[in-house]
Protein backbone atom coordinates (compact mmCIF):
# COMPACT_ATOMS: atom_id res chain seq x y z
CA MET A 1 66.16 -42.52 -60.97
CA ALA A 2 66.33 -38.70 -60.82
CA ALA A 3 66.42 -35.99 -58.16
CA ASP A 4 65.84 -32.25 -57.84
CA VAL A 5 68.70 -30.78 -55.82
CA VAL A 6 69.30 -27.34 -54.30
CA LEU A 7 73.05 -26.77 -54.21
CA ALA A 8 75.17 -24.92 -51.64
CA ASP A 9 75.11 -21.69 -53.66
CA GLY A 10 71.31 -21.77 -53.82
CA THR A 11 71.06 -22.86 -57.44
CA PHE A 12 68.85 -25.67 -58.62
CA ALA A 13 70.03 -28.80 -60.41
CA VAL A 14 68.50 -31.96 -61.78
CA ALA A 15 70.56 -35.11 -61.21
CA SER A 16 69.88 -38.18 -63.35
CA ALA A 17 71.55 -40.63 -65.68
CA LYS A 18 71.38 -37.91 -68.36
CA GLU A 19 71.91 -34.66 -66.38
CA ASN A 20 74.67 -33.90 -63.88
CA THR A 21 75.65 -37.54 -63.93
CA ASP A 22 78.48 -37.04 -61.46
CA LEU A 23 76.10 -35.48 -58.93
CA PHE A 24 73.61 -38.28 -59.62
CA TRP A 25 76.26 -40.87 -58.81
CA ALA A 26 77.30 -39.07 -55.62
CA ILE A 27 73.89 -38.50 -54.03
CA ARG A 28 72.95 -42.20 -54.19
CA GLY A 29 75.01 -43.10 -51.13
CA GLY A 30 77.10 -39.98 -50.48
CA GLY A 31 75.32 -39.15 -47.25
CA GLY A 32 73.89 -35.66 -47.80
CA ASN A 33 77.20 -34.03 -48.67
CA PHE A 34 76.19 -32.47 -51.97
CA GLY A 35 72.91 -30.62 -51.63
CA VAL A 36 69.30 -30.68 -50.47
CA VAL A 37 67.14 -33.11 -52.41
CA THR A 38 63.67 -31.57 -52.65
CA SER A 39 62.07 -34.35 -54.70
CA PHE A 40 63.11 -37.57 -56.37
CA LEU A 41 61.85 -40.17 -58.81
CA PHE A 42 62.30 -43.79 -57.82
CA GLN A 43 61.46 -47.23 -59.16
CA ALA A 44 59.19 -49.33 -56.95
CA TYR A 45 58.49 -53.07 -57.04
CA PRO A 46 55.03 -54.47 -56.29
CA VAL A 47 54.84 -56.17 -52.89
CA GLN A 48 51.50 -56.70 -51.18
CA MET A 49 51.34 -59.72 -48.89
CA VAL A 50 54.49 -61.19 -47.34
CA CYS A 51 55.12 -64.04 -44.93
CA ALA A 52 56.97 -62.44 -42.06
CA GLY A 53 57.65 -62.08 -38.38
CA PRO A 54 60.07 -63.07 -35.61
CA MET A 55 61.29 -66.40 -34.30
CA LEU A 56 62.90 -66.32 -30.83
CA TRP A 57 65.21 -68.71 -29.01
CA PRO A 58 66.72 -68.76 -25.49
CA ILE A 59 69.99 -66.85 -25.26
CA GLU A 60 71.67 -70.16 -24.33
CA GLN A 61 71.03 -71.36 -27.90
CA ALA A 62 72.47 -68.23 -29.53
CA ALA A 63 75.71 -69.88 -30.65
CA ASP A 64 73.85 -72.70 -32.39
CA ILE A 65 71.42 -70.29 -34.07
CA MET A 66 74.15 -67.90 -35.23
CA LYS A 67 76.23 -70.72 -36.71
CA TRP A 68 73.20 -72.12 -38.52
CA TYR A 69 72.23 -68.65 -39.71
CA ARG A 70 75.67 -67.72 -41.09
CA GLU A 71 75.61 -70.79 -43.36
CA PHE A 72 71.96 -70.49 -44.36
CA ILE A 73 71.61 -66.82 -45.26
CA VAL A 74 74.41 -66.76 -47.84
CA GLN A 75 72.61 -69.37 -49.96
CA ALA A 76 68.99 -68.45 -49.11
CA PRO A 77 66.61 -67.53 -51.96
CA GLU A 78 66.57 -63.83 -52.82
CA GLU A 79 62.87 -63.79 -51.93
CA LEU A 80 63.78 -64.43 -48.27
CA ASN A 81 65.34 -61.96 -45.87
CA GLY A 82 66.05 -62.55 -42.20
CA PHE A 83 68.01 -60.38 -39.80
CA PHE A 84 69.51 -61.76 -36.59
CA ALA A 85 69.02 -59.91 -33.30
CA PHE A 86 69.74 -59.94 -29.59
CA LEU A 87 66.75 -58.52 -27.75
CA THR A 88 64.82 -58.28 -24.51
CA VAL A 89 61.25 -59.51 -24.98
CA PRO A 90 58.75 -56.64 -24.56
CA PRO A 91 56.03 -57.05 -21.91
CA GLY A 92 52.98 -57.32 -24.13
CA PRO A 93 51.27 -59.13 -26.99
CA PRO A 94 51.97 -61.11 -29.06
CA PHE A 95 54.69 -62.34 -26.70
CA PRO A 96 53.62 -64.82 -23.97
CA GLU A 97 53.89 -63.60 -20.37
CA ASN A 98 56.48 -66.22 -19.43
CA LEU A 99 58.93 -64.63 -21.89
CA HIS A 100 58.41 -61.01 -20.88
CA PHE A 101 61.71 -59.20 -20.10
CA LYS A 102 63.78 -62.26 -21.01
CA LYS A 103 66.96 -61.72 -23.01
CA MET A 104 66.75 -63.84 -26.14
CA CYS A 105 68.09 -64.10 -29.67
CA GLY A 106 65.90 -64.04 -32.73
CA ILE A 107 65.56 -63.82 -36.49
CA VAL A 108 62.96 -61.56 -38.08
CA TRP A 109 61.98 -63.06 -41.43
CA CYS A 110 60.35 -61.69 -44.56
CA TYR A 111 59.44 -63.85 -47.55
CA THR A 112 57.77 -62.46 -50.67
CA GLY A 113 56.08 -65.69 -51.65
CA LEU A 114 53.51 -68.18 -50.41
CA LEU A 115 53.42 -69.43 -46.82
CA GLU A 116 53.77 -73.06 -47.93
CA GLN A 117 57.03 -72.21 -49.72
CA ALA A 118 58.33 -70.20 -46.77
CA ASN A 119 57.59 -73.01 -44.32
CA GLU A 120 59.37 -75.50 -46.56
CA ILE A 121 62.48 -73.28 -46.63
CA LEU A 122 62.46 -72.69 -42.85
CA GLU A 123 61.50 -76.20 -41.72
CA PRO A 124 65.17 -77.29 -41.35
CA LEU A 125 65.65 -74.50 -38.81
CA ARG A 126 62.58 -75.55 -36.85
CA ARG A 127 63.89 -79.11 -36.77
CA PHE A 128 67.38 -77.96 -35.76
CA ARG A 129 66.26 -75.74 -32.86
CA ARG A 130 62.52 -75.27 -32.47
CA PRO A 131 61.77 -71.63 -31.57
CA ALA A 132 60.58 -70.84 -28.07
CA PHE A 133 58.27 -68.31 -29.72
CA GLU A 134 57.21 -67.82 -33.32
CA PHE A 135 55.02 -65.18 -34.95
CA PHE A 136 55.52 -66.01 -38.63
CA ALA A 137 52.43 -65.45 -40.74
CA PRO A 138 51.08 -63.85 -43.93
CA MET A 139 50.61 -60.10 -43.52
CA PRO A 140 50.51 -56.93 -45.61
CA PHE A 141 54.03 -55.57 -46.07
CA PRO A 142 53.31 -52.34 -44.10
CA ILE A 143 52.41 -54.44 -41.04
CA LEU A 144 55.93 -55.82 -40.96
CA GLN A 145 57.40 -52.36 -41.51
CA SER A 146 55.51 -50.97 -38.49
CA MET A 147 55.66 -54.08 -36.27
CA PHE A 148 58.00 -52.55 -33.67
CA ASP A 149 56.81 -48.93 -33.80
CA GLY A 150 54.99 -49.26 -30.48
CA LEU A 151 58.24 -50.17 -28.75
CA TYR A 152 60.45 -47.50 -30.33
CA THR A 153 58.49 -44.34 -29.62
CA ARG A 154 59.62 -40.72 -29.87
CA GLY A 155 61.92 -39.25 -27.25
CA LEU A 156 64.23 -42.21 -26.60
CA GLN A 157 67.96 -41.82 -26.02
CA TRP A 158 69.98 -43.56 -28.76
CA TYR A 159 73.64 -44.43 -29.28
CA TRP A 160 74.70 -46.30 -32.43
CA LYS A 161 77.85 -48.17 -33.45
CA ALA A 162 78.14 -50.12 -36.69
CA ASP A 163 80.29 -52.10 -39.10
CA PHE A 164 80.04 -54.01 -42.34
CA VAL A 165 80.82 -57.72 -41.87
CA LYS A 166 82.00 -60.27 -44.41
CA GLU A 167 82.39 -63.37 -42.22
CA LEU A 168 80.85 -64.40 -38.91
CA THR A 169 83.63 -66.44 -37.31
CA ASP A 170 83.35 -68.62 -34.22
CA GLU A 171 85.46 -66.06 -32.33
CA ALA A 172 83.14 -63.24 -33.35
CA ILE A 173 80.08 -65.28 -32.38
CA ALA A 174 81.53 -65.85 -28.89
CA LEU A 175 82.05 -62.10 -28.45
CA HIS A 176 78.56 -61.35 -29.77
CA ILE A 177 77.06 -63.68 -27.18
CA LYS A 178 79.17 -62.18 -24.39
CA HIS A 179 78.02 -58.62 -25.09
CA GLY A 180 74.60 -59.46 -26.49
CA SER A 181 73.77 -61.24 -23.23
CA GLU A 182 74.43 -57.97 -21.39
CA LEU A 183 71.78 -55.81 -23.07
CA PRO A 184 71.60 -52.74 -20.81
CA SER A 185 67.91 -51.88 -21.32
CA LEU A 186 64.62 -53.14 -22.74
CA HIS A 187 65.11 -51.24 -26.01
CA SER A 188 68.81 -51.95 -26.61
CA THR A 189 69.65 -54.45 -29.32
CA MET A 190 72.09 -55.73 -31.92
CA HIS A 191 71.05 -56.50 -35.48
CA LEU A 192 72.85 -58.27 -38.32
CA TYR A 193 71.13 -57.21 -41.55
CA PRO A 194 71.89 -59.36 -44.61
CA ILE A 195 73.16 -57.26 -47.52
CA ASN A 196 74.02 -60.07 -49.91
CA GLY A 197 71.79 -61.40 -52.68
CA ALA A 198 70.71 -58.74 -55.18
CA ALA A 199 72.90 -56.11 -53.51
CA HIS A 200 75.98 -58.02 -54.67
CA LYS A 201 75.10 -57.81 -58.36
CA PRO A 202 76.31 -54.23 -59.07
CA LYS A 203 80.01 -53.43 -58.81
CA ASN A 204 81.52 -51.59 -55.83
CA ASP A 205 82.01 -48.43 -57.90
CA ASP A 206 78.54 -48.39 -59.50
CA THR A 207 77.41 -46.26 -56.54
CA PRO A 208 79.32 -44.66 -53.63
CA TRP A 209 78.54 -47.67 -51.43
CA SER A 210 81.74 -49.69 -51.65
CA TYR A 211 80.86 -52.76 -49.57
CA ARG A 212 78.78 -54.80 -52.00
CA ASP A 213 81.13 -57.65 -51.12
CA ALA A 214 80.01 -57.63 -47.47
CA THR A 215 77.44 -60.09 -46.11
CA TRP A 216 75.94 -58.12 -43.22
CA SER A 217 75.45 -54.61 -41.96
CA GLU A 218 75.90 -54.87 -38.19
CA VAL A 219 74.44 -52.27 -35.85
CA ILE A 220 74.77 -52.14 -32.07
CA VAL A 221 72.22 -49.83 -30.47
CA GLY A 222 71.99 -48.62 -26.89
CA VAL A 223 68.48 -47.24 -26.32
CA ASP A 224 66.69 -46.04 -23.18
CA PRO A 225 63.88 -43.58 -22.39
CA ASP A 226 65.74 -42.06 -19.40
CA PRO A 227 68.50 -39.50 -20.14
CA ALA A 228 70.12 -40.52 -16.85
CA ASN A 229 71.03 -43.85 -18.47
CA THR A 230 72.71 -42.35 -21.53
CA ASP A 231 76.25 -43.03 -20.29
CA HIS A 232 75.34 -46.62 -19.44
CA ILE A 233 73.87 -47.49 -22.83
CA THR A 234 76.67 -45.63 -24.62
CA ALA A 235 79.41 -47.51 -22.76
CA TRP A 236 77.75 -50.84 -23.53
CA ALA A 237 77.48 -50.07 -27.25
CA ARG A 238 81.07 -48.80 -27.46
CA ASN A 239 82.50 -51.79 -25.60
CA TYR A 240 80.51 -54.20 -27.75
CA TRP A 241 81.66 -52.47 -30.95
CA GLU A 242 85.31 -52.28 -29.88
CA ALA A 243 85.29 -56.02 -29.22
CA LEU A 244 83.76 -56.88 -32.63
CA HIS A 245 85.34 -54.20 -34.82
CA PRO A 246 88.50 -56.27 -35.52
CA TYR A 247 86.20 -58.87 -37.13
CA GLY A 248 84.47 -56.31 -39.36
CA ALA A 249 85.19 -55.27 -42.94
CA GLY A 250 86.33 -51.73 -42.04
CA GLY A 251 83.54 -49.28 -42.81
CA ALA A 252 79.90 -48.95 -41.79
CA TYR A 253 76.52 -47.85 -43.10
CA VAL A 254 76.61 -44.05 -42.70
CA ASN A 255 73.07 -43.86 -41.27
CA PHE A 256 74.20 -46.11 -38.41
CA MET A 257 77.15 -43.85 -37.49
CA MET A 258 77.28 -41.16 -34.77
CA GLU A 259 78.96 -37.78 -34.57
CA GLY A 260 82.72 -37.73 -34.20
CA GLU A 261 83.47 -40.88 -36.21
CA GLY A 262 86.41 -39.03 -37.81
CA GLU A 263 87.72 -38.69 -41.36
CA ASP A 264 89.59 -42.00 -41.30
CA ARG A 265 86.34 -43.79 -40.54
CA ILE A 266 84.57 -42.02 -43.42
CA ARG A 267 87.39 -42.89 -45.80
CA ALA A 268 87.24 -46.51 -44.67
CA THR A 269 83.51 -46.52 -45.37
CA TYR A 270 83.79 -45.25 -48.96
CA ARG A 271 87.16 -46.93 -49.66
CA ASP A 272 88.21 -46.49 -53.32
CA ASN A 273 85.15 -44.32 -54.01
CA TYR A 274 86.22 -41.61 -51.55
CA ALA A 275 88.54 -39.76 -53.96
CA ARG A 276 85.81 -39.53 -56.60
CA LEU A 277 83.31 -38.29 -53.99
CA ALA A 278 85.81 -35.67 -52.80
CA ARG A 279 86.25 -34.36 -56.36
CA ILE A 280 82.48 -34.11 -56.85
CA LYS A 281 82.19 -32.44 -53.46
CA ALA A 282 84.72 -29.81 -54.57
CA LYS A 283 82.68 -29.15 -57.71
CA PHE A 284 79.26 -28.78 -56.08
CA ASP A 285 80.15 -27.71 -52.51
CA PRO A 286 83.72 -26.34 -52.54
CA ASN A 287 83.37 -24.54 -49.19
CA ASN A 288 81.92 -27.62 -47.44
CA PHE A 289 78.65 -25.90 -46.57
CA PHE A 290 76.99 -29.31 -46.13
CA ARG A 291 79.19 -30.55 -43.30
CA VAL A 292 76.79 -31.56 -40.51
CA ASN A 293 76.94 -35.18 -41.65
CA GLN A 294 79.46 -37.98 -42.10
CA ASN A 295 81.53 -35.43 -43.91
CA ILE A 296 83.38 -35.81 -47.18
CA GLN A 297 86.02 -33.09 -47.46
CA PRO A 298 86.25 -31.25 -50.84
CA SER A 299 89.30 -32.42 -52.75
CA ALA A 300 92.12 -29.87 -52.76
CA ASP A 301 93.24 -31.23 -56.12
CA ALA A 302 89.92 -30.70 -57.88
């Protein structure tokens, strides 16, 4: 709702709906191009207990699950979120020993209502393809947020590739299964995060994020603890992304993008909002001091 910002020339500014409104618009999605935010005021929503956790299926059922999921999630209640994933089952609780190190597909759910309501909503999926493993239960929201922290520890090697996705076609699903079945390490994964529902209510130019018409934010992540495997996980992620990119919407979530994406990729991500961002960049950072990011070039016309 408001932010304190140190600008490139060292001066201090407040950005809000009443002060520096152009800067306020830009920093809510502009990827760190405009200054250093030292504090901010935000609106929170009360969430205590949720019904949440993963359901897993054999990789051989991935096509069926993805086709069910693409139809379900677009009409699911706003209280329910579920992201699809390809994963290798970690060797430890709560996963049973017979599934350890198996490549599987899954959906990680979160429902901000009662368990009885959640089970009623998800029962058609259980009838369609009963999960090989399910850990769906009431829990405090922070438990869900930290559920995979023990797997993704400090010091891992990471390589990210991403896209926004509007439609999950049969052709795209076939390619997902081909590459998702070839996960190169225990930690590597692919996630499809739903970004429909409430995110579709504002207009594309209400904030810099210009893909409020997309359905998913897709991220392909090669991860491994051993630096010697960096090339291997990177090649897998790149090949996977190159195969699926033609089925994407064009841009990607900037926090899922790596160095060297290039200006065309940044422009494709902000689409019609790029020119406005470039003008604001020229006003607040004309010399492009803040450039170690997914960089927006200052407009020469500003």
